Amino acid sequence: MHDGDATATVAGAADGMAVPRGEIVSQYVKSVRLDVPGAPAVHAAPKGLPRLHLDLDVDARQVADGAPLFEVALVLRCQGRGPDEQVLFEADLAYAGLVNLRAAGGVAAPEMLEPLLLVEIPALLFPGARNLLAELTRDAGFPPVLMQGVDFAALQRGRRAVS
């Protein structure tokens, strides 16, 4: 049995860098836009389920140089089209969180921040963004957009492969 520091990890012990921990200070709607270009006519005609196109992106930025505060934003763009390809609605939203990063024993290396800011924190913010999109489309008179869970690690790997 070892009585040493239980917070040390294999990676942290190996390279001497501090492992960061994130605390979400606040979650908020950064921006939201909904456009129903064919209203009111699209609501007068019988409608089935719209065909959806959904884009999701993650954006992270440091709030101030040298400060441990970061803003992480999930950006969702959703377009619903009717059977005739008419745009029924377009919804764009950015749901963000203000994150305080702490690294015991020093400053965390940038490569250690990436998984936290682009994978772990977005996974925590996702339920709020998903609920907002569902409520927004429902309140616009359409069936709510119900998103499945997102594998943010796979999204980040794909993003890295493209760049």
N, C-alpha and C. Protein backbone atom coordinates (compact mmCIF):
# COMPACT_ATOMS: atom_id res chain seq x y z
N MET A 1 0.83 -1.17 0.00
CA MET A 1 0.00 0.00 0.00
C MET A 1 0.87 1.23 0.00
N HIS A 2 0.44 2.24 -0.77
CA HIS A 2 1.23 3.45 -0.94
C HIS A 2 0.48 4.61 -0.30
N ASP A 3 1.19 5.40 0.52
CA ASP A 3 0.56 6.54 1.18
C ASP A 3 0.85 7.84 0.46
N GLY A 4 1.34 7.78 -0.76
CA GLY A 4 1.71 8.99 -1.52
C GLY A 4 0.50 9.73 -2.05
N ASP A 5 0.78 10.64 -2.94
CA ASP A 5 -0.25 11.49 -3.53
C ASP A 5 -1.15 10.67 -4.43
N ALA A 6 -2.41 10.56 -4.07
CA ALA A 6 -3.36 9.75 -4.83
C ALA A 6 -3.78 10.43 -6.13
N THR A 7 -3.48 11.71 -6.29
CA THR A 7 -3.90 12.41 -7.51
C THR A 7 -2.91 12.25 -8.65
N ALA A 8 -1.74 11.71 -8.38
CA ALA A 8 -0.75 11.53 -9.45
C ALA A 8 -1.23 10.45 -10.41
N THR A 9 -0.99 10.67 -11.67
CA THR A 9 -1.33 9.67 -12.67
C THR A 9 -0.04 9.18 -13.30
N VAL A 10 -0.17 8.12 -14.08
CA VAL A 10 1.02 7.59 -14.75
C VAL A 10 1.59 8.66 -15.67
N ALA A 11 0.74 9.31 -16.45
CA ALA A 11 1.23 10.35 -17.36
C ALA A 11 1.79 11.53 -16.58
N GLY A 12 1.08 11.95 -15.53
CA GLY A 12 1.54 13.08 -14.74
C GLY A 12 2.84 12.79 -14.03
N ALA A 13 2.97 11.58 -13.52
CA ALA A 13 4.20 11.21 -12.83
C ALA A 13 5.35 11.10 -13.81
N ALA A 14 5.05 10.64 -15.02
CA ALA A 14 6.11 10.41 -16.00
C ALA A 14 6.69 11.71 -16.52
N ASP A 15 5.86 12.70 -16.79
CA ASP A 15 6.41 13.90 -17.40
C ASP A 15 6.46 15.10 -16.46
N GLY A 16 6.01 14.95 -15.23
CA GLY A 16 6.10 16.02 -14.26
C GLY A 16 5.09 17.14 -14.47
N MET A 17 4.20 17.01 -15.43
CA MET A 17 3.21 18.04 -15.69
C MET A 17 1.99 17.81 -14.81
N ALA A 18 1.34 18.88 -14.44
CA ALA A 18 0.15 18.79 -13.62
C ALA A 18 -1.04 18.36 -14.48
N VAL A 19 -1.90 17.53 -13.90
CA VAL A 19 -3.11 17.08 -14.59
C VAL A 19 -4.22 18.08 -14.27
N PRO A 20 -4.81 18.68 -15.30
CA PRO A 20 -5.84 19.69 -15.04
C PRO A 20 -7.18 19.08 -14.64
N ARG A 21 -7.92 19.84 -13.88
CA ARG A 21 -9.29 19.47 -13.51
C ARG A 21 -10.16 20.67 -13.83
N GLY A 22 -11.31 20.39 -14.40
CA GLY A 22 -12.20 21.48 -14.80
C GLY A 22 -13.42 21.56 -13.91
N GLU A 23 -13.83 22.78 -13.63
CA GLU A 23 -15.04 23.04 -12.88
C GLU A 23 -15.89 23.99 -13.72
N ILE A 24 -17.12 23.57 -14.04
CA ILE A 24 -18.00 24.44 -14.79
C ILE A 24 -18.57 25.48 -13.83
N VAL A 25 -18.23 26.74 -14.08
CA VAL A 25 -18.65 27.84 -13.24
C VAL A 25 -20.07 28.27 -13.61
N SER A 26 -20.36 28.25 -14.92
CA SER A 26 -21.66 28.70 -15.40
C SER A 26 -21.95 28.07 -16.75
N GLN A 27 -23.23 27.80 -17.01
CA GLN A 27 -23.69 27.36 -18.32
C GLN A 27 -24.68 28.39 -18.81
N TYR A 28 -24.65 28.69 -20.11
CA TYR A 28 -25.52 29.74 -20.61
C TYR A 28 -25.72 29.62 -22.11
N VAL A 29 -26.79 30.25 -22.58
CA VAL A 29 -27.04 30.36 -24.01
C VAL A 29 -26.25 31.56 -24.50
N LYS A 30 -25.30 31.31 -25.36
CA LYS A 30 -24.47 32.40 -25.89
C LYS A 30 -25.19 33.09 -27.05
N SER A 31 -25.79 32.30 -27.92
CA SER A 31 -26.58 32.87 -29.01
C SER A 31 -27.60 31.85 -29.47
N VAL A 32 -28.71 32.35 -30.00
CA VAL A 32 -29.75 31.47 -30.53
C VAL A 32 -30.47 32.22 -31.65
N ARG A 33 -30.76 31.48 -32.72
CA ARG A 33 -31.49 32.04 -33.85
C ARG A 33 -32.38 30.95 -34.41
N LEU A 34 -33.63 31.30 -34.67
CA LEU A 34 -34.56 30.39 -35.31
C LEU A 34 -35.24 31.14 -36.44
N ASP A 35 -35.26 30.53 -37.60
CA ASP A 35 -35.91 31.13 -38.76
C ASP A 35 -36.87 30.12 -39.35
N VAL A 36 -38.11 30.53 -39.55
CA VAL A 36 -39.13 29.72 -40.22
C VAL A 36 -39.54 30.51 -41.46
N PRO A 37 -38.78 30.34 -42.57
CA PRO A 37 -38.98 31.21 -43.72
C PRO A 37 -40.35 31.10 -44.38
N GLY A 38 -41.03 29.97 -44.29
CA GLY A 38 -42.31 29.81 -44.96
C GLY A 38 -43.51 30.04 -44.08
N ALA A 39 -43.30 30.57 -42.87
CA ALA A 39 -44.43 30.78 -41.96
C ALA A 39 -45.30 31.91 -42.51
N PRO A 40 -46.58 31.81 -42.41
CA PRO A 40 -47.37 30.80 -41.74
C PRO A 40 -47.78 29.63 -42.64
N ALA A 41 -47.45 29.71 -43.94
CA ALA A 41 -47.92 28.69 -44.89
C ALA A 41 -47.46 27.28 -44.51
N VAL A 42 -46.25 27.13 -43.96
CA VAL A 42 -45.76 25.78 -43.63
C VAL A 42 -46.58 25.14 -42.51
N HIS A 43 -47.25 25.95 -41.72
CA HIS A 43 -48.07 25.41 -40.64
C HIS A 43 -49.50 25.11 -41.09
N ALA A 44 -49.90 25.67 -42.22
CA ALA A 44 -51.25 25.46 -42.72
C ALA A 44 -51.39 24.14 -43.47
N ALA A 45 -50.31 23.69 -44.09
CA ALA A 45 -50.34 22.46 -44.88
C ALA A 45 -50.07 21.26 -43.96
N PRO A 46 -50.66 20.12 -44.28
CA PRO A 46 -50.33 18.92 -43.48
C PRO A 46 -48.84 18.63 -43.62
N LYS A 47 -48.26 18.23 -42.52
CA LYS A 47 -46.81 18.00 -42.55
C LYS A 47 -46.46 16.67 -41.90
N GLY A 48 -45.45 16.08 -42.45
CA GLY A 48 -44.88 14.88 -41.83
C GLY A 48 -43.65 15.32 -41.05
N LEU A 49 -42.82 14.36 -40.77
CA LEU A 49 -41.58 14.69 -40.07
C LEU A 49 -40.61 15.36 -41.04
N PRO A 50 -39.99 16.47 -40.63
CA PRO A 50 -39.02 17.11 -41.51
C PRO A 50 -37.76 16.24 -41.65
N ARG A 51 -37.11 16.35 -42.78
CA ARG A 51 -35.81 15.71 -42.98
C ARG A 51 -34.78 16.67 -42.39
N LEU A 52 -33.97 16.17 -41.48
CA LEU A 52 -33.07 17.03 -40.71
C LEU A 52 -31.64 16.94 -41.22
N HIS A 53 -30.97 18.08 -41.17
CA HIS A 53 -29.52 18.14 -41.37
C HIS A 53 -28.97 18.85 -40.14
N LEU A 54 -28.03 18.22 -39.46
CA LEU A 54 -27.52 18.75 -38.20
C LEU A 54 -26.00 18.82 -38.24
N ASP A 55 -25.46 19.96 -37.86
CA ASP A 55 -24.01 20.14 -37.72
C ASP A 55 -23.74 20.49 -36.27
N LEU A 56 -22.66 19.93 -35.74
CA LEU A 56 -22.27 20.21 -34.36
C LEU A 56 -20.78 20.52 -34.36
N ASP A 57 -20.42 21.55 -33.64
CA ASP A 57 -19.01 21.90 -33.52
C ASP A 57 -18.73 22.29 -32.07
N VAL A 58 -17.47 22.21 -31.69
CA VAL A 58 -17.04 22.59 -30.35
C VAL A 58 -16.00 23.69 -30.51
N ASP A 59 -16.15 24.73 -29.73
CA ASP A 59 -15.20 25.84 -29.75
C ASP A 59 -14.75 26.09 -28.32
N ALA A 60 -13.45 26.23 -28.13
CA ALA A 60 -12.93 26.52 -26.79
C ALA A 60 -11.91 27.64 -26.92
N ARG A 61 -12.00 28.58 -25.99
CA ARG A 61 -11.04 29.69 -25.99
C ARG A 61 -10.78 30.14 -24.56
N GLN A 62 -9.58 30.60 -24.36
CA GLN A 62 -9.21 31.12 -23.05
C GLN A 62 -9.81 32.52 -22.92
N VAL A 63 -10.42 32.81 -21.78
CA VAL A 63 -11.10 34.08 -21.59
C VAL A 63 -10.10 35.23 -21.53
N ALA A 64 -8.99 35.05 -20.81
CA ALA A 64 -7.96 36.07 -20.71
C ALA A 64 -6.60 35.38 -20.61
N ASP A 65 -5.60 35.97 -21.22
CA ASP A 65 -4.26 35.38 -21.18
C ASP A 65 -3.82 35.16 -19.74
N GLY A 66 -3.30 33.99 -19.48
CA GLY A 66 -2.79 33.66 -18.17
C GLY A 66 -3.84 33.28 -17.14
N ALA A 67 -5.11 33.47 -17.46
CA ALA A 67 -6.18 33.13 -16.51
C ALA A 67 -6.61 31.68 -16.75
N PRO A 68 -7.02 30.99 -15.69
CA PRO A 68 -7.44 29.59 -15.86
C PRO A 68 -8.90 29.45 -16.33
N LEU A 69 -9.51 30.55 -16.80
CA LEU A 69 -10.90 30.51 -17.26
C LEU A 69 -10.97 30.31 -18.77
N PHE A 70 -11.81 29.37 -19.17
CA PHE A 70 -12.02 29.07 -20.59
C PHE A 70 -13.51 29.06 -20.87
N GLU A 71 -13.86 29.47 -22.08
CA GLU A 71 -15.24 29.34 -22.53
C GLU A 71 -15.26 28.19 -23.53
N VAL A 72 -16.13 27.23 -23.27
CA VAL A 72 -16.33 26.10 -24.18
C VAL A 72 -17.75 26.21 -24.71
N ALA A 73 -17.89 26.22 -26.03
CA ALA A 73 -19.21 26.39 -26.63
C ALA A 73 -19.52 25.24 -27.58
N LEU A 74 -20.73 24.71 -27.44
CA LEU A 74 -21.26 23.75 -28.41
C LEU A 74 -22.08 24.57 -29.40
N VAL A 75 -21.76 24.44 -30.66
CA VAL A 75 -22.46 25.18 -31.70
C VAL A 75 -23.27 24.17 -32.52
N LEU A 76 -24.58 24.33 -32.50
CA LEU A 76 -25.49 23.43 -33.22
C LEU A 76 -26.18 24.21 -34.33
N ARG A 77 -26.18 23.61 -35.51
CA ARG A 77 -26.92 24.16 -36.65
C ARG A 77 -27.84 23.07 -37.15
N CYS A 78 -29.12 23.34 -37.18
CA CYS A 78 -30.10 22.34 -37.59
C CYS A 78 -31.02 22.95 -38.64
N GLN A 79 -31.21 22.20 -39.70
CA GLN A 79 -32.13 22.63 -40.76
C GLN A 79 -33.13 21.51 -40.99
N GLY A 80 -34.40 21.87 -41.02
CA GLY A 80 -35.47 20.92 -41.31
C GLY A 80 -36.06 21.23 -42.68
N ARG A 81 -36.17 20.19 -43.51
CA ARG A 81 -36.73 20.36 -44.85
C ARG A 81 -37.95 19.46 -45.01
N GLY A 82 -38.89 19.95 -45.82
CA GLY A 82 -40.08 19.18 -46.14
C GLY A 82 -39.81 18.21 -47.27
N PRO A 83 -40.82 17.42 -47.66
CA PRO A 83 -40.65 16.43 -48.72
C PRO A 83 -40.29 17.06 -50.07
N ASP A 84 -40.67 18.31 -50.27
CA ASP A 84 -40.36 19.01 -51.52
C ASP A 84 -39.03 19.78 -51.43
N GLU A 85 -38.24 19.51 -50.37
CA GLU A 85 -36.94 20.15 -50.10
C GLU A 85 -37.08 21.61 -49.67
N GLN A 86 -38.30 22.05 -49.41
CA GLN A 86 -38.50 23.41 -48.90
C GLN A 86 -37.93 23.48 -47.48
N VAL A 87 -37.20 24.55 -47.19
CA VAL A 87 -36.67 24.75 -45.84
C VAL A 87 -37.83 25.13 -44.93
N LEU A 88 -38.08 24.29 -43.94
CA LEU A 88 -39.15 24.54 -42.98
C LEU A 88 -38.66 25.40 -41.82
N PHE A 89 -37.45 25.09 -41.34
CA PHE A 89 -36.87 25.89 -40.26
C PHE A 89 -35.36 25.75 -40.28
N GLU A 90 -34.72 26.75 -39.72
CA GLU A 90 -33.27 26.73 -39.48
C GLU A 90 -33.05 27.21 -38.05
N ALA A 91 -32.33 26.43 -37.30
CA ALA A 91 -32.03 26.80 -35.92
C ALA A 91 -30.51 26.78 -35.74
N ASP A 92 -29.98 27.83 -35.18
CA ASP A 92 -28.56 27.93 -34.86
C ASP A 92 -28.47 28.32 -33.39
N LEU A 93 -27.67 27.59 -32.66
CA LEU A 93 -27.48 27.97 -31.27
C LEU A 93 -26.07 27.66 -30.81
N ALA A 94 -25.63 28.47 -29.89
CA ALA A 94 -24.35 28.24 -29.21
C ALA A 94 -24.67 28.17 -27.72
N TYR A 95 -24.39 27.02 -27.14
CA TYR A 95 -24.62 26.78 -25.72
C TYR A 95 -23.24 26.65 -25.09
N ALA A 96 -22.95 27.48 -24.12
CA ALA A 96 -21.57 27.56 -23.63
C ALA A 96 -21.47 27.34 -22.13
N GLY A 97 -20.26 27.09 -21.73
CA GLY A 97 -19.94 26.96 -20.32
C GLY A 97 -18.65 27.71 -20.02
N LEU A 98 -18.63 28.36 -18.89
CA LEU A 98 -17.41 29.00 -18.41
C LEU A 98 -16.75 28.00 -17.48
N VAL A 99 -15.52 27.65 -17.80
CA VAL A 99 -14.82 26.56 -17.11
C VAL A 99 -13.58 27.11 -16.42
N ASN A 100 -13.44 26.76 -15.16
CA ASN A 100 -12.25 27.11 -14.39
C ASN A 100 -11.35 25.88 -14.36
N LEU A 101 -10.17 25.99 -14.93
CA LEU A 101 -9.23 24.87 -14.94
C LEU A 101 -8.20 25.05 -13.86
N ARG A 102 -8.03 24.02 -13.11
CA ARG A 102 -7.04 24.02 -12.04
C ARG A 102 -6.09 22.84 -12.26
N ALA A 103 -4.82 23.10 -12.08
CA ALA A 103 -3.83 22.04 -12.17
C ALA A 103 -2.99 22.11 -10.90
N ALA A 104 -3.14 21.09 -10.08
CA ALA A 104 -2.39 21.05 -8.83
C ALA A 104 -0.91 20.94 -9.14
N GLY A 105 -0.13 21.77 -8.54
CA GLY A 105 1.32 21.67 -8.69
C GLY A 105 1.88 22.37 -9.91
N GLY A 106 1.10 23.14 -10.63
CA GLY A 106 1.68 23.86 -11.76
C GLY A 106 0.72 24.04 -12.92
N VAL A 107 1.30 24.44 -14.02
CA VAL A 107 0.53 24.71 -15.23
C VAL A 107 0.45 23.45 -16.07
N ALA A 108 -0.73 23.15 -16.55
CA ALA A 108 -0.93 21.97 -17.39
C ALA A 108 -0.43 22.23 -18.80
N ALA A 109 0.09 21.21 -19.40
CA ALA A 109 0.55 21.30 -20.78
C ALA A 109 -0.65 21.42 -21.72
N PRO A 110 -0.51 22.14 -22.84
CA PRO A 110 -1.63 22.30 -23.77
C PRO A 110 -2.21 20.97 -24.25
N GLU A 111 -1.39 19.96 -24.46
CA GLU A 111 -1.90 18.67 -24.92
C GLU A 111 -2.76 17.98 -23.87
N MET A 112 -2.63 18.41 -22.62
CA MET A 112 -3.48 17.86 -21.57
C MET A 112 -4.80 18.62 -21.46
N LEU A 113 -4.82 19.86 -21.94
CA LEU A 113 -6.03 20.67 -21.91
C LEU A 113 -7.02 20.24 -23.00
N GLU A 114 -6.49 19.83 -24.15
CA GLU A 114 -7.35 19.51 -25.29
C GLU A 114 -8.43 18.48 -24.97
N PRO A 115 -8.10 17.31 -24.39
CA PRO A 115 -9.17 16.35 -24.11
C PRO A 115 -10.20 16.88 -23.11
N LEU A 116 -9.77 17.68 -22.19
CA LEU A 116 -10.70 18.23 -21.20
C LEU A 116 -11.63 19.25 -21.85
N LEU A 117 -11.06 20.19 -22.61
CA LEU A 117 -11.85 21.27 -23.19
C LEU A 117 -12.67 20.87 -24.41
N LEU A 118 -12.20 19.87 -25.17
CA LEU A 118 -12.89 19.51 -26.41
C LEU A 118 -13.63 18.17 -26.35
N VAL A 119 -13.50 17.44 -25.23
CA VAL A 119 -14.18 16.16 -25.11
C VAL A 119 -15.01 16.10 -23.81
N GLU A 120 -14.36 16.24 -22.68
CA GLU A 120 -15.05 16.04 -21.40
C GLU A 120 -16.06 17.15 -21.08
N ILE A 121 -15.66 18.40 -21.20
CA ILE A 121 -16.57 19.50 -20.89
C ILE A 121 -17.73 19.55 -21.89
N PRO A 122 -17.49 19.40 -23.21
CA PRO A 122 -18.64 19.36 -24.13
C PRO A 122 -19.65 18.26 -23.80
N ALA A 123 -19.16 17.11 -23.34
CA ALA A 123 -20.08 16.03 -22.96
C ALA A 123 -20.96 16.45 -21.79
N LEU A 124 -20.44 17.28 -20.90
CA LEU A 124 -21.24 17.77 -19.77
C LEU A 124 -22.22 18.86 -20.21
N LEU A 125 -21.86 19.64 -21.22
CA LEU A 125 -22.73 20.71 -21.71
C LEU A 125 -23.82 20.19 -22.65
N PHE A 126 -23.57 19.05 -23.28
CA PHE A 126 -24.45 18.55 -24.33
C PHE A 126 -25.93 18.41 -23.91
N PRO A 127 -26.26 17.88 -22.74
CA PRO A 127 -27.69 17.76 -22.40
C PRO A 127 -28.43 19.10 -22.43
N GLY A 128 -27.79 20.16 -21.97
CA GLY A 128 -28.43 21.47 -22.01
C GLY A 128 -28.66 21.96 -23.43
N ALA A 129 -27.67 21.77 -24.30
CA ALA A 129 -27.80 22.19 -25.70
C ALA A 129 -28.87 21.36 -26.41
N ARG A 130 -28.87 20.06 -26.14
CA ARG A 130 -29.86 19.17 -26.76
C ARG A 130 -31.28 19.56 -26.34
N ASN A 131 -31.48 19.84 -25.07
CA ASN A 131 -32.80 20.24 -24.58
C ASN A 131 -33.24 21.57 -25.18
N LEU A 132 -32.32 22.51 -25.29
CA LEU A 132 -32.65 23.81 -25.87
C LEU A 132 -33.09 23.66 -27.33
N LEU A 133 -32.38 22.85 -28.11
CA LEU A 133 -32.75 22.64 -29.51
C LEU A 133 -34.13 21.97 -29.62
N ALA A 134 -34.39 20.99 -28.77
CA ALA A 134 -35.69 20.30 -28.80
C ALA A 134 -36.82 21.27 -28.45
N GLU A 135 -36.63 22.08 -27.43
CA GLU A 135 -37.67 23.04 -27.04
C GLU A 135 -37.86 24.12 -28.09
N LEU A 136 -36.78 24.56 -28.68
CA LEU A 136 -36.85 25.61 -29.69
C LEU A 136 -37.65 25.15 -30.91
N THR A 137 -37.36 23.95 -31.40
CA THR A 137 -38.08 23.46 -32.58
C THR A 137 -39.53 23.11 -32.24
N ARG A 138 -39.77 22.59 -31.06
CA ARG A 138 -41.14 22.30 -30.63
C ARG A 138 -41.95 23.58 -30.51
N ASP A 139 -41.36 24.59 -29.90
CA ASP A 139 -42.07 25.86 -29.73
C ASP A 139 -42.30 26.58 -31.05
N ALA A 140 -41.55 26.20 -32.09
CA ALA A 140 -41.74 26.78 -33.42
C ALA A 140 -42.84 26.06 -34.18
N GLY A 141 -43.44 25.03 -33.58
CA GLY A 141 -44.56 24.33 -34.21
C GLY A 141 -44.17 23.07 -34.96
N PHE A 142 -42.96 22.59 -34.74
CA PHE A 142 -42.49 21.37 -35.41
C PHE A 142 -42.24 20.28 -34.37
N PRO A 143 -42.13 19.04 -34.82
CA PRO A 143 -41.75 18.01 -33.85
C PRO A 143 -40.38 18.36 -33.25
N PRO A 144 -40.19 18.13 -31.96
CA PRO A 144 -38.89 18.48 -31.37
C PRO A 144 -37.76 17.66 -31.99
N VAL A 145 -36.64 18.31 -32.19
CA VAL A 145 -35.45 17.62 -32.68
C VAL A 145 -34.84 16.89 -31.48
N LEU A 146 -34.85 15.57 -31.54
CA LEU A 146 -34.33 14.75 -30.44
C LEU A 146 -32.99 14.16 -30.87
N MET A 147 -31.93 14.73 -30.35
CA MET A 147 -30.58 14.28 -30.73
C MET A 147 -30.15 13.09 -29.88
N GLN A 148 -29.47 12.17 -30.51
CA GLN A 148 -28.83 11.07 -29.79
C GLN A 148 -27.56 11.59 -29.14
N GLY A 149 -26.98 10.80 -28.27
CA GLY A 149 -25.72 11.18 -27.65
C GLY A 149 -24.63 11.35 -28.69
N VAL A 150 -23.61 12.11 -28.34
CA VAL A 150 -22.49 12.39 -29.24
C VAL A 150 -21.21 11.85 -28.63
N ASP A 151 -20.42 11.18 -29.43
CA ASP A 151 -19.10 10.71 -29.01
C ASP A 151 -18.10 11.83 -29.31
N PHE A 152 -17.86 12.69 -28.31
CA PHE A 152 -17.00 13.84 -28.52
C PHE A 152 -15.55 13.43 -28.74
N ALA A 153 -15.13 12.30 -28.22
CA ALA A 153 -13.77 11.82 -28.47
C ALA A 153 -13.60 11.48 -29.95
N ALA A 154 -14.59 10.80 -30.54
CA ALA A 154 -14.52 10.48 -31.97
C ALA A 154 -14.60 11.75 -32.81
N LEU A 155 -15.41 12.69 -32.39
CA LEU A 155 -15.51 13.97 -33.10
C LEU A 155 -14.16 14.67 -33.11
N GLN A 156 -13.48 14.68 -31.98
CA GLN A 156 -12.16 15.32 -31.88
C GLN A 156 -11.12 14.57 -32.71
N ARG A 157 -11.18 13.24 -32.71
CA ARG A 157 -10.22 12.48 -33.55
C ARG A 157 -10.44 12.81 -35.02
N GLY A 158 -11.69 12.90 -35.44
CA GLY A 158 -11.99 13.24 -36.84
C GLY A 158 -11.54 14.65 -37.18
N ARG A 159 -11.72 15.55 -36.24
CA ARG A 159 -11.28 16.94 -36.45
C ARG A 159 -9.76 17.01 -36.59
N ARG A 160 -9.07 16.24 -35.76
CA ARG A 160 -7.61 16.23 -35.81
C ARG A 160 -7.11 15.60 -37.11
N ALA A 161 -7.81 14.58 -37.60
CA ALA A 161 -7.41 13.91 -38.84
C ALA A 161 -7.54 14.84 -40.04
N VAL A 162 -8.54 15.74 -40.00
CA VAL A 162 -8.75 16.67 -41.11
C VAL A 162 -7.68 17.75 -41.13
N SER A 163 -7.26 18.20 -39.94
CA SER A 163 -6.27 19.30 -39.90
C SER A 163 -4.85 18.84 -39.98
